[in-house]
Every structure is written in C-alpha cells, then in structure tokens.
C-alpha cells in the first residue's frame, strides 16, 4: 500500500512523505513510546490514558518543525510509523490544530 503522510505546522511549514509500505504496528508503537519519553511530551487527558493519536500528535508537536526540516530521516521514520499505526493511505497530522485527518 502507498502512504501519503502530511505533517503540518501551519501553511508555511508542511512536510510530505510518500512511502511504499509502513512496517509493523508493534514496532511503530515502541518507537512512539520512546520518542514520547525522550521529548518529554505531556498530554492532559481526562481518563489518564494516552491514545495512539495523542502520542503521534504530541511527538510531532514537541519535536517541532525544525526537527522535520533539519532531520529528514527522523521525519521519514515518524511518517512510516504513523502509517503503520493508523493504517491509512492518506494521513494529515495537523499539529497547529492538534488533529489527525484521513
């Protein structure tokens, strides 16, 4: 499956990734868990449970647009793991609006 991942920090900072295949969802969850801790992400949820979409959005937010711009290999890993977890062919991660669209 082809995947098209867009990570947006606003109209002047968008990063697009086109991937053939996404990898294993378990590996992707582990990657996001590590990045979530390494970036010291903080998500307030009413239930206390952090969902996969919260991890994806938080990692993008805390990494910031500079990391996507300056470390393209990291950005590609982010996109590949996002595709593995969400399993969609088109995914838009809108950091500014804190939302994920398909």
PDB file of N, CA and C in Angstrom:
ATOM      1  N   UNK A   1       0.837  -1.178   0.000  1.00  0.00           N
ATOM      2  CA  UNK A   1       0.000   0.000   0.000  1.00  0.00           C
ATOM      3  C   UNK A   1       0.883   1.243   0.000  1.00  0.00           C
ATOM      4  N   UNK A   2       0.524   2.211  -0.810  1.00  0.00           N
ATOM      5  CA  UNK A   2       1.197   3.507  -0.828  1.00  0.00           C
ATOM      6  C   UNK A   2       0.627   4.375   0.288  1.00  0.00           C
ATOM      7  N   UNK A   3       1.492   5.109   0.961  1.00  0.00           N
ATOM      8  CA  UNK A   3       1.052   6.010   2.019  1.00  0.00           C
ATOM      9  C   UNK A   3       1.511   7.425   1.698  1.00  0.00           C
ATOM     10  N   UNK A   4       0.636   8.367   1.943  1.00  0.00           N
ATOM     11  CA  UNK A   4       0.961   9.781   1.788  1.00  0.00           C
ATOM     12  C   UNK A   4       0.690  10.428   3.145  1.00  0.00           C
ATOM     13  N   UNK A   5       1.756  10.875   3.791  1.00  0.00           N
ATOM     14  CA  UNK A   5       1.651  11.470   5.128  1.00  0.00           C
ATOM     15  C   UNK A   5       2.021  12.943   5.014  1.00  0.00           C
ATOM     16  N   UNK A   6       1.170  13.804   5.541  1.00  0.00           N
ATOM     17  CA  UNK A   6       1.430  15.241   5.574  1.00  0.00           C
ATOM     18  C   UNK A   6       1.485  15.658   7.036  1.00  0.00           C
ATOM     19  N   UNK A   7       2.576  16.307   7.414  1.00  0.00           N
ATOM     20  CA  UNK A   7       2.704  16.840   8.769  1.00  0.00           C
ATOM     21  C   UNK A   7       2.723  18.353   8.625  1.00  0.00           C
ATOM     22  N   UNK A   8       1.721  19.010   9.206  1.00  0.00           N
ATOM     23  CA  UNK A   8       1.559  20.445   9.029  1.00  0.00           C
ATOM     24  C   UNK A   8       1.722  21.192  10.356  1.00  0.00           C
ATOM     25  N   UNK A   9       2.548  22.237  10.287  1.00  0.00           N
ATOM     26  CA  UNK A   9       2.711  23.147  11.423  1.00  0.00           C
ATOM     27  C   UNK A   9       2.140  24.519  11.051  1.00  0.00           C
ATOM     28  N   UNK A  10       1.260  24.565  10.075  1.00  0.00           N
ATOM     29  CA  UNK A  10       0.726  25.809   9.530  1.00  0.00           C
ATOM     30  C   UNK A  10       1.037  25.857   8.046  1.00  0.00           C
ATOM     31  N   UNK A  11       0.493  26.837   7.361  1.00  0.00           N
ATOM     32  CA  UNK A  11       0.623  26.844   5.900  1.00  0.00           C
ATOM     33  C   UNK A  11       2.056  27.011   5.412  1.00  0.00           C
ATOM     34  N   UNK A  12       2.928  27.597   6.209  1.00  0.00           N
ATOM     35  CA  UNK A  12       4.308  27.813   5.775  1.00  0.00           C
ATOM     36  C   UNK A  12       5.267  26.703   6.201  1.00  0.00           C
ATOM     37  N   UNK A  13       4.766  25.702   6.892  1.00  0.00           N
ATOM     38  CA  UNK A  13       5.628  24.605   7.356  1.00  0.00           C
ATOM     39  C   UNK A  13       4.892  23.282   7.246  1.00  0.00           C
ATOM     40  N   UNK A  14       4.924  22.714   6.044  1.00  0.00           N
ATOM     41  CA  UNK A  14       4.319  21.408   5.808  1.00  0.00           C
ATOM     42  C   UNK A  14       5.378  20.461   5.265  1.00  0.00           C
ATOM     43  N   UNK A  15       5.289  19.227   5.715  1.00  0.00           N
ATOM     44  CA  UNK A  15       6.247  18.206   5.300  1.00  0.00           C
ATOM     45  C   UNK A  15       5.453  17.025   4.760  1.00  0.00           C
ATOM     46  N   UNK A  16       5.810  16.585   3.555  1.00  0.00           N
ATOM     47  CA  UNK A  16       5.091  15.491   2.907  1.00  0.00           C
ATOM     48  C   UNK A  16       6.005  14.295   2.726  1.00  0.00           C
ATOM     49  N   UNK A  17       5.448  13.133   2.969  1.00  0.00           N
ATOM     50  CA  UNK A  17       6.178  11.877   2.839  1.00  0.00           C
ATOM     51  C   UNK A  17       5.322  10.916   2.028  1.00  0.00           C
ATOM     52  N   UNK A  18       5.922  10.297   1.028  1.00  0.00           N
ATOM     53  CA  UNK A  18       5.252   9.260   0.236  1.00  0.00           C
ATOM     54  C   UNK A  18       6.041   7.979   0.429  1.00  0.00           C
ATOM     55  N   UNK A  19       5.359   6.976   0.944  1.00  0.00           N
ATOM     56  CA  UNK A  19       6.017   5.735   1.325  1.00  0.00           C
ATOM     57  C   UNK A  19       5.331   4.532   0.695  1.00  0.00           C
ATOM     58  N   UNK A  20       6.125   3.548   0.352  1.00  0.00           N
ATOM     59  CA  UNK A  20       5.592   2.260  -0.100  1.00  0.00           C
ATOM     60  C   UNK A  20       5.745   1.296   1.067  1.00  0.00           C
ATOM     61  N   UNK A  21       4.651   1.009   1.740  1.00  0.00           N
ATOM     62  CA  UNK A  21       4.713   0.136   2.912  1.00  0.00           C
ATOM     63  C   UNK A  21       4.972   0.929   4.172  1.00  0.00           C
ATOM     64  N   UNK A  22       4.578   0.339   5.292  1.00  0.00           N
ATOM     65  CA  UNK A  22       4.668   1.086   6.543  1.00  0.00           C
ATOM     66  C   UNK A  22       5.407   0.360   7.660  1.00  0.00           C
ATOM     67  N   UNK A  23       5.509  -0.936   7.614  1.00  0.00           N
ATOM     68  CA  UNK A  23       6.152  -1.661   8.701  1.00  0.00           C
ATOM     69  C   UNK A  23       5.153  -2.200   9.701  1.00  0.00           C
ATOM     70  N   UNK A  24       5.676  -2.707  10.802  1.00  0.00           N
ATOM     71  CA  UNK A  24       4.855  -3.367  11.825  1.00  0.00           C
ATOM     72  C   UNK A  24       4.307  -2.359  12.836  1.00  0.00           C
ATOM     73  N   UNK A  25       3.054  -2.516  13.185  1.00  0.00           N
ATOM     74  CA  UNK A  25       2.409  -1.618  14.137  1.00  0.00           C
ATOM     75  C   UNK A  25       3.047  -1.699  15.517  1.00  0.00           C
ATOM     76  N   UNK A  26       3.447  -2.890  15.960  1.00  0.00           N
ATOM     77  CA  UNK A  26       4.081  -3.029  17.280  1.00  0.00           C
ATOM     78  C   UNK A  26       5.393  -2.255  17.350  1.00  0.00           C
ATOM     79  N   UNK A  27       6.190  -2.364  16.305  1.00  0.00           N
ATOM     80  CA  UNK A  27       7.457  -1.626  16.248  1.00  0.00           C
ATOM     81  C   UNK A  27       7.188  -0.115  16.251  1.00  0.00           C
ATOM     82  N   UNK A  28       6.154   0.300  15.537  1.00  0.00           N
ATOM     83  CA  UNK A  28       5.792   1.713  15.471  1.00  0.00           C
ATOM     84  C   UNK A  28       5.367   2.236  16.847  1.00  0.00           C
ATOM     85  N   UNK A  29       4.587   1.449  17.564  1.00  0.00           N
ATOM     86  CA  UNK A  29       4.160   1.865  18.913  1.00  0.00           C
ATOM     87  C   UNK A  29       5.363   2.018  19.843  1.00  0.00           C
ATOM     88  N   UNK A  30       6.308   1.100  19.744  1.00  0.00           N
ATOM     89  CA  UNK A  30       7.520   1.180  20.565  1.00  0.00           C
ATOM     90  C   UNK A  30       8.324   2.435  20.222  1.00  0.00           C
ATOM     91  N   UNK A  31       8.432   2.742  18.933  1.00  0.00           N
ATOM     92  CA  UNK A  31       9.159   3.937  18.509  1.00  0.00           C
ATOM     93  C   UNK A  31       8.497   5.187  19.088  1.00  0.00           C
ATOM     94  N   UNK A  32       7.164   5.273  18.968  1.00  0.00           N
ATOM     95  CA  UNK A  32       6.457   6.438  19.507  1.00  0.00           C
ATOM     96  C   UNK A  32       6.572   6.505  21.027  1.00  0.00           C
ATOM     97  N   UNK A  33       6.549   5.378  21.704  1.00  0.00           N
ATOM     98  CA  UNK A  33       6.727   5.366  23.162  1.00  0.00           C
ATOM     99  C   UNK A  33       8.085   5.955  23.535  1.00  0.00           C
ATOM    100  N   UNK A  34       9.141   5.519  22.829  1.00  0.00           N
ATOM    101  CA  UNK A  34      10.499   6.035  23.104  1.00  0.00           C
ATOM    102  C   UNK A  34      10.590   7.533  22.832  1.00  0.00           C
ATOM    103  N   UNK A  35      10.078   7.958  21.679  1.00  0.00           N
ATOM    104  CA  UNK A  35      10.143   9.377  21.320  1.00  0.00           C
ATOM    105  C   UNK A  35       9.319  10.228  22.287  1.00  0.00           C
ATOM    106  N   UNK A  36       8.176   9.717  22.704  1.00  0.00           N
ATOM    107  CA  UNK A  36       7.309  10.427  23.654  1.00  0.00           C
ATOM    108  C   UNK A  36       8.074  10.710  24.948  1.00  0.00           C
ATOM    109  N   UNK A  37       8.803   9.723  25.429  1.00  0.00           N
ATOM    110  CA  UNK A  37       9.596   9.872  26.659  1.00  0.00           C
ATOM    111  C   UNK A  37      10.806  10.765  26.410  1.00  0.00           C
ATOM    112  N   UNK A  38      11.541  10.528  25.323  1.00  0.00           N
ATOM    113  CA  UNK A  38      12.749  11.310  25.019  1.00  0.00           C
ATOM    114  C   UNK A  38      12.456  12.798  24.837  1.00  0.00           C
ATOM    115  N   UNK A  39      11.312  13.108  24.248  1.00  0.00           N
ATOM    116  CA  UNK A  39      10.942  14.506  24.012  1.00  0.00           C
ATOM    117  C   UNK A  39      10.230  15.124  25.219  1.00  0.00           C
ATOM    118  N   UNK A  40      10.024  14.317  26.259  1.00  0.00           N
ATOM    119  CA  UNK A  40       9.354  14.765  27.480  1.00  0.00           C
ATOM    120  C   UNK A  40       7.974  15.353  27.173  1.00  0.00           C
ATOM    121  N   UNK A  41       7.219  14.627  26.357  1.00  0.00           N
ATOM    122  CA  UNK A  41       5.872  15.058  25.982  1.00  0.00           C
ATOM    123  C   UNK A  41       4.946  15.003  27.184  1.00  0.00           C
ATOM    124  N   UNK A  42       3.968  15.883  27.159  1.00  0.00           N
ATOM    125  CA  UNK A  42       2.982  15.938  28.231  1.00  0.00           C
ATOM    126  C   UNK A  42       1.606  16.092  27.590  1.00  0.00           C
ATOM    127  N   UNK A  43       0.705  15.177  27.895  1.00  0.00           N
ATOM    128  CA  UNK A  43      -0.647  15.221  27.357  1.00  0.00           C
ATOM    129  C   UNK A  43      -1.623  15.101  28.507  1.00  0.00           C
ATOM    130  N   UNK A  44      -2.501  16.070  28.611  1.00  0.00           N
ATOM    131  CA  UNK A  44      -3.539  16.014  29.644  1.00  0.00           C
ATOM    132  C   UNK A  44      -4.774  15.349  29.048  1.00  0.00           C
ATOM    133  N   UNK A  45      -5.143  14.212  29.600  1.00  0.00           N
ATOM    134  CA  UNK A  45      -6.350  13.527  29.154  1.00  0.00           C
ATOM    135  C   UNK A  45      -7.255  13.303  30.355  1.00  0.00           C
ATOM    136  N   UNK A  46      -8.556  13.412  30.143  1.00  0.00           N
ATOM    137  CA  UNK A  46      -9.472  13.246  31.274  1.00  0.00           C
ATOM    138  C   UNK A  46      -9.437  11.844  31.876  1.00  0.00           C
ATOM    139  N   UNK A  47      -9.134  10.838  31.062  1.00  0.00           N
ATOM    140  CA  UNK A  47      -9.113   9.464  31.567  1.00  0.00           C
ATOM    141  C   UNK A  47      -7.737   9.039  32.054  1.00  0.00           C
ATOM    142  N   UNK A  48      -6.725   9.821  31.692  1.00  0.00           N
ATOM    143  CA  UNK A  48      -5.365   9.451  32.063  1.00  0.00           C
ATOM    144  C   UNK A  48      -4.721   8.493  31.074  1.00  0.00           C
ATOM    145  N   UNK A  49      -5.498   8.015  30.109  1.00  0.00           N
ATOM    146  CA  UNK A  49      -4.980   7.094  29.100  1.00  0.00           C
ATOM    147  C   UNK A  49      -4.536   7.893  27.882  1.00  0.00           C
ATOM    148  N   UNK A  50      -3.357   7.576  27.366  1.00  0.00           N
ATOM    149  CA  UNK A  50      -2.833   8.282  26.202  1.00  0.00           C
ATOM    150  C   UNK A  50      -3.047   7.396  24.973  1.00  0.00           C
ATOM    151  N   UNK A  51      -3.861   7.860  24.046  1.00  0.00           N
ATOM    152  CA  UNK A  51      -4.170   7.116  22.841  1.00  0.00           C
ATOM    153  C   UNK A  51      -3.048   7.260  21.811  1.00  0.00           C
ATOM    154  N   UNK A  52      -3.046   6.386  20.828  1.00  0.00           N
ATOM    155  CA  UNK A  52      -2.021   6.420  19.776  1.00  0.00           C
ATOM    156  C   UNK A  52      -2.014   7.774  19.067  1.00  0.00           C
ATOM    157  N   UNK A  53      -3.189   8.330  18.773  1.00  0.00           N
ATOM    158  CA  UNK A  53      -3.222   9.624  18.089  1.00  0.00           C
ATOM    159  C   UNK A  53      -2.643  10.732  18.967  1.00  0.00           C
ATOM    160  N   UNK A  54      -2.841  10.634  20.279  1.00  0.00           N
ATOM    161  CA  UNK A  54      -2.238  11.606  21.191  1.00  0.00           C
ATOM    162  C   UNK A  54      -0.714  11.514  21.152  1.00  0.00           C
ATOM    163  N   UNK A  55      -0.194  10.303  21.088  1.00  0.00           N
ATOM    164  CA  UNK A  55       1.262  10.121  21.014  1.00  0.00           C
ATOM    165  C   UNK A  55       1.809  10.694  19.711  1.00  0.00           C
ATOM    166  N   UNK A  56       1.132  10.405  18.610  1.00  0.00           N
ATOM    167  CA  UNK A  56       1.574  10.909  17.302  1.00  0.00           C
ATOM    168  C   UNK A  56       1.583  12.436  17.297  1.00  0.00           C
ATOM    169  N   UNK A  57       0.477  13.041  17.724  1.00  0.00           N
ATOM    170  CA  UNK A  57       0.387  14.495  17.734  1.00  0.00           C
ATOM    171  C   UNK A  57       1.380  15.128  18.699  1.00  0.00           C
ATOM    172  N   UNK A  58       1.551  14.541  19.865  1.00  0.00           N
ATOM    173  CA  UNK A  58       2.476  15.091  20.857  1.00  0.00           C
ATOM    174  C   UNK A  58       3.925  14.991  20.394  1.00  0.00           C
ATOM    175  N   UNK A  59       4.296  13.869  19.818  1.00  0.00           N
ATOM    176  CA  UNK A  59       5.671  13.716  19.331  1.00  0.00           C
ATOM    177  C   UNK A  59       5.950  14.746  18.240  1.00  0.00           C
ATOM    178  N   UNK A  60       5.010  14.944  17.323  1.00  0.00           N
ATOM    179  CA  UNK A  60       5.195  15.955  16.279  1.00  0.00           C
ATOM    180  C   UNK A  60       5.317  17.347  16.890  1.00  0.00           C
ATOM    181  N   UNK A  61       4.431  17.649  17.830  1.00  0.00           N
ATOM    182  CA  UNK A  61       4.427  18.973  18.465  1.00  0.00           C
ATOM    183  C   UNK A  61       5.734  19.245  19.220  1.00  0.00           C
ATOM    184  N   UNK A  62       6.153  18.310  20.047  1.00  0.00           N
ATOM    185  CA  UNK A  62       7.345  18.512  20.858  1.00  0.00           C
ATOM    186  C   UNK A  62       8.628  18.446  20.024  1.00  0.00           C
ATOM    187  N   UNK A  63       8.619  17.697  18.931  1.00  0.00           N
ATOM    188  CA  UNK A  63       9.783  17.658  18.044  1.00  0.00           C
ATOM    189  C   UNK A  63       9.912  18.986  17.305  1.00  0.00           C
ATOM    190  N   UNK A  64       8.787  19.549  16.909  1.00  0.00           N
ATOM    191  CA  UNK A  64       8.772  20.833  16.228  1.00  0.00           C
ATOM    192  C   UNK A  64       9.126  20.741  14.753  1.00  0.00           C
ATOM    193  N   UNK A  65       8.801  21.790  14.038  1.00  0.00           N
ATOM    194  CA  UNK A  65       9.053  21.812  12.599  1.00  0.00           C
ATOM    195  C   UNK A  65      10.543  21.778  12.275  1.00  0.00           C
ATOM    196  N   UNK A  66      11.377  22.329  13.160  1.00  0.00           N
ATOM    197  CA  UNK A  66      12.825  22.324  12.903  1.00  0.00           C
ATOM    198  C   UNK A  66      13.375  20.913  12.780  1.00  0.00           C
ATOM    199  N   UNK A  67      12.897  19.996  13.601  1.00  0.00           N
ATOM    200  CA  UNK A  67      13.390  18.623  13.524  1.00  0.00           C
ATOM    201  C   UNK A  67      12.994  17.994  12.189  1.00  0.00           C
ATOM    202  N   UNK A  68      11.776  18.233  11.736  1.00  0.00           N
ATOM    203  CA  UNK A  68      11.342  17.701  10.445  1.00  0.00           C
ATOM    204  C   UNK A  68      12.178  18.302   9.308  1.00  0.00           C
ATOM    205  N   UNK A  69      12.509  19.580   9.418  1.00  0.00           N
ATOM    206  CA  UNK A  69      13.291  20.259   8.389  1.00  0.00           C
ATOM    207  C   UNK A  69      14.762  19.835   8.433  1.00  0.00           C
ATOM    208  N   UNK A  70      15.334  19.760   9.634  1.00  0.00           N
ATOM    209  CA  UNK A  70      16.773  19.516   9.786  1.00  0.00           C
ATOM    210  C   UNK A  70      17.151  18.036   9.821  1.00  0.00           C
ATOM    211  N   UNK A  71      16.199  17.172  10.139  1.00  0.00           N
ATOM    212  CA  UNK A  71      16.488  15.740  10.241  1.00  0.00           C
ATOM    213  C   UNK A  71      15.478  14.956   9.392  1.00  0.00           C
ATOM    214  N   UNK A  72      15.636  15.002   8.066  1.00  0.00           N
ATOM    215  CA  UNK A  72      14.658  14.339   7.196  1.00  0.00           C
ATOM    216  C   UNK A  72      14.522  12.837   7.446  1.00  0.00           C
ATOM    217  N   UNK A  73      15.585  12.170   7.875  1.00  0.00           N
ATOM    218  CA  UNK A  73      15.491  10.725   8.164  1.00  0.00           C
ATOM    219  C   UNK A  73      14.576  10.493   9.362  1.00  0.00           C
ATOM    220  N   UNK A  74      14.662  11.355  10.363  1.00  0.00           N
ATOM    221  CA  UNK A  74      13.770  11.248  11.521  1.00  0.00           C
ATOM    222  C   UNK A  74      12.326  11.474  11.073  1.00  0.00           C
ATOM    223  N   UNK A  75      12.113  12.479  10.225  1.00  0.00           N
ATOM    224  CA  UNK A  75      10.770  12.757   9.726  1.00  0.00           C
ATOM    225  C   UNK A  75      10.190  11.584   8.957  1.00  0.00           C
ATOM    226  N   UNK A  76      11.028  10.914   8.178  1.00  0.00           N
ATOM    227  CA  UNK A  76      10.549   9.744   7.441  1.00  0.00           C
ATOM    228  C   UNK A  76      10.186   8.604   8.392  1.00  0.00           C
ATOM    229  N   UNK A  77      10.973   8.444   9.454  1.00  0.00           N
ATOM    230  CA  UNK A  77      10.623   7.423  10.460  1.00  0.00           C
ATOM    231  C   UNK A  77       9.277   7.759  11.096  1.00  0.00           C
ATOM    232  N   UNK A  78       9.099   9.020  11.441  1.00  0.00           N
ATOM    233  CA  UNK A  78       7.830   9.469  12.016  1.00  0.00           C
ATOM    234  C   UNK A  78       6.678   9.113  11.077  1.00  0.00           C
ATOM    235  N   UNK A  79       6.825   9.439   9.804  1.00  0.00           N
ATOM    236  CA  UNK A  79       5.771   9.181   8.819  1.00  0.00           C
ATOM    237  C   UNK A  79       5.517   7.682   8.664  1.00  0.00           C
ATOM    238  N   UNK A  80       6.576   6.895   8.573  1.00  0.00           N
ATOM    239  CA  UNK A  80       6.435   5.452   8.393  1.00  0.00           C
ATOM    240  C   UNK A  80       5.718   4.818   9.589  1.00  0.00           C
ATOM    241  N   UNK A  81       6.097   5.238  10.786  1.00  0.00           N
ATOM    242  CA  UNK A  81       5.474   4.684  11.988  1.00  0.00           C
ATOM    243  C   UNK A  81       4.032   5.176  12.159  1.00  0.00           C
ATOM    244  N   UNK A  82       3.764   6.404  11.745  1.00  0.00           N
ATOM    245  CA  UNK A  82       2.391   6.910  11.776  1.00  0.00           C
ATOM    246  C   UNK A  82       1.506   6.073  10.854  1.00  0.00           C
ATOM    247  N   UNK A  83       2.003   5.798   9.658  1.00  0.00           N
ATOM    248  CA  UNK A  83       1.250   4.972   8.702  1.00  0.00           C
ATOM    249  C   UNK A  83       1.028   3.566   9.238  1.00  0.00           C
ATOM    250  N   UNK A  84       2.038   3.013   9.917  1.00  0.00           N
ATOM    251  CA  UNK A  84       1.921   1.650  10.465  1.00  0.00           C
ATOM    252  C   UNK A  84       0.840   1.579  11.533  1.00  0.00           C
ATOM    253  N   UNK A  85       0.777   2.586  12.383  1.00  0.00           N
ATOM    254  CA  UNK A  85      -0.212   2.578  13.465  1.00  0.00           C
ATOM    255  C   UNK A  85      -1.621   2.853  12.940  1.00  0.00           C
ATOM    256  N   UNK A  86      -1.749   3.827  12.065  1.00  0.00           N
ATOM    257  CA  UNK A  86      -3.083   4.238  11.630  1.00  0.00           C
ATOM    258  C   UNK A  86      -3.597   3.457  10.422  1.00  0.00           C
ATOM    259  N   UNK A  87      -2.703   2.886   9.626  1.00  0.00           N
ATOM    260  CA  UNK A  87      -3.108   2.015   8.526  1.00  0.00           C
ATOM    261  C   UNK A  87      -3.933   2.669   7.433  1.00  0.00           C
ATOM    262  N   UNK A  88      -3.741   3.928   7.205  1.00  0.00           N
ATOM    263  CA  UNK A  88      -4.473   4.646   6.155  1.00  0.00           C
ATOM    264  C   UNK A  88      -3.514   5.039   5.041  1.00  0.00           C
ATOM    265  N   UNK A  89      -4.055   5.227   3.836  1.00  0.00           N
ATOM    266  CA  UNK A  89      -3.183   5.607   2.734  1.00  0.00           C
ATOM    267  C   UNK A  89      -2.902   7.109   2.706  1.00  0.00           C
ATOM    268  N   UNK A  90      -3.813   7.930   3.223  1.00  0.00           N
ATOM    269  CA  UNK A  90      -3.604   9.374   3.311  1.00  0.00           C
ATOM    270  C   UNK A  90      -3.854   9.810   4.750  1.00  0.00           C
ATOM    271  N   UNK A  91      -2.844  10.430   5.346  1.00  0.00           N
ATOM    272  CA  UNK A  91      -2.946  10.885   6.737  1.00  0.00           C
ATOM    273  C   UNK A  91      -2.409  12.307   6.809  1.00  0.00           C
ATOM    274  N   UNK A  92      -3.176  13.189   7.432  1.00  0.00           N
ATOM    275  CA  UNK A  92      -2.728  14.564   7.654  1.00  0.00           C
ATOM    276  C   UNK A  92      -2.619  14.794   9.159  1.00  0.00           C
ATOM    277  N   UNK A  93      -1.398  15.042   9.613  1.00  0.00           N
ATOM    278  CA  UNK A  93      -1.141  15.348  11.018  1.00  0.00           C
ATOM    279  C   UNK A  93      -1.057  16.868  11.112  1.00  0.00           C
ATOM    280  N   UNK A  94      -2.081  17.479  11.669  1.00  0.00           N
ATOM    281  CA  UNK A  94      -2.158  18.936  11.779  1.00  0.00           C
ATOM    282  C   UNK A  94      -1.785  19.326  13.201  1.00  0.00           C
ATOM    283  N   UNK A  95      -0.530  19.687  13.379  1.00  0.00           N
ATOM    284  CA  UNK A  95      -0.011  19.988  14.712  1.00  0.00           C
ATOM    285  C   UNK A  95      -0.644  21.271  15.250  1.00  0.00           C
ATOM    286  N   UNK A  96      -0.817  22.238  14.383  1.00  0.00           N
ATOM    287  CA  UNK A  96      -1.383  23.534  14.799  1.00  0.00           C
ATOM    288  C   UNK A  96      -2.795  23.368  15.356  1.00  0.00           C
ATOM    289  N   UNK A  97      -3.606  22.523  14.715  1.00  0.00           N
ATOM    290  CA  UNK A  97      -4.981  22.275  15.169  1.00  0.00           C
ATOM    291  C   UNK A  97      -5.097  21.081  16.103  1.00  0.00           C
ATOM    292  N   UNK A  98      -3.977  20.404  16.346  1.00  0.00           N
ATOM    293  CA  UNK A  98      -3.912  19.191  17.169  1.00  0.00           C
ATOM    294  C   UNK A  98      -4.979  18.188  16.729  1.00  0.00           C
ATOM    295  N   UNK A  99      -4.893  17.835  15.434  1.00  0.00           N
ATOM    296  CA  UNK A  99      -5.852  16.875  14.884  1.00  0.00           C
ATOM    297  C   UNK A  99      -5.201  16.018  13.813  1.00  0.00           C
ATOM    298  N   UNK A 100      -5.818  14.862  13.569  1.00  0.00           N
ATOM    299  CA  UNK A 100      -5.373  13.957  12.518  1.00  0.00           C
ATOM    300  C   UNK A 100      -6.570  13.729  11.605  1.00  0.00           C
ATOM    301  N   UNK A 101      -6.323  13.906  10.311  1.00  0.00           N
ATOM    302  CA  UNK A 101      -7.375  13.687   9.320  1.00  0.00           C
ATOM    303  C   UNK A 101      -6.964  12.621   8.333  1.00  0.00           C
ATOM    304  N   UNK A 102      -7.957  12.009   7.712  1.00  0.00           N
ATOM    305  CA  UNK A 102      -7.718  10.929   6.753  1.00  0.00           C
ATOM    306  C   UNK A 102      -8.274  11.299   5.400  1.00  0.00           C
TER     307      UNK A 102
END
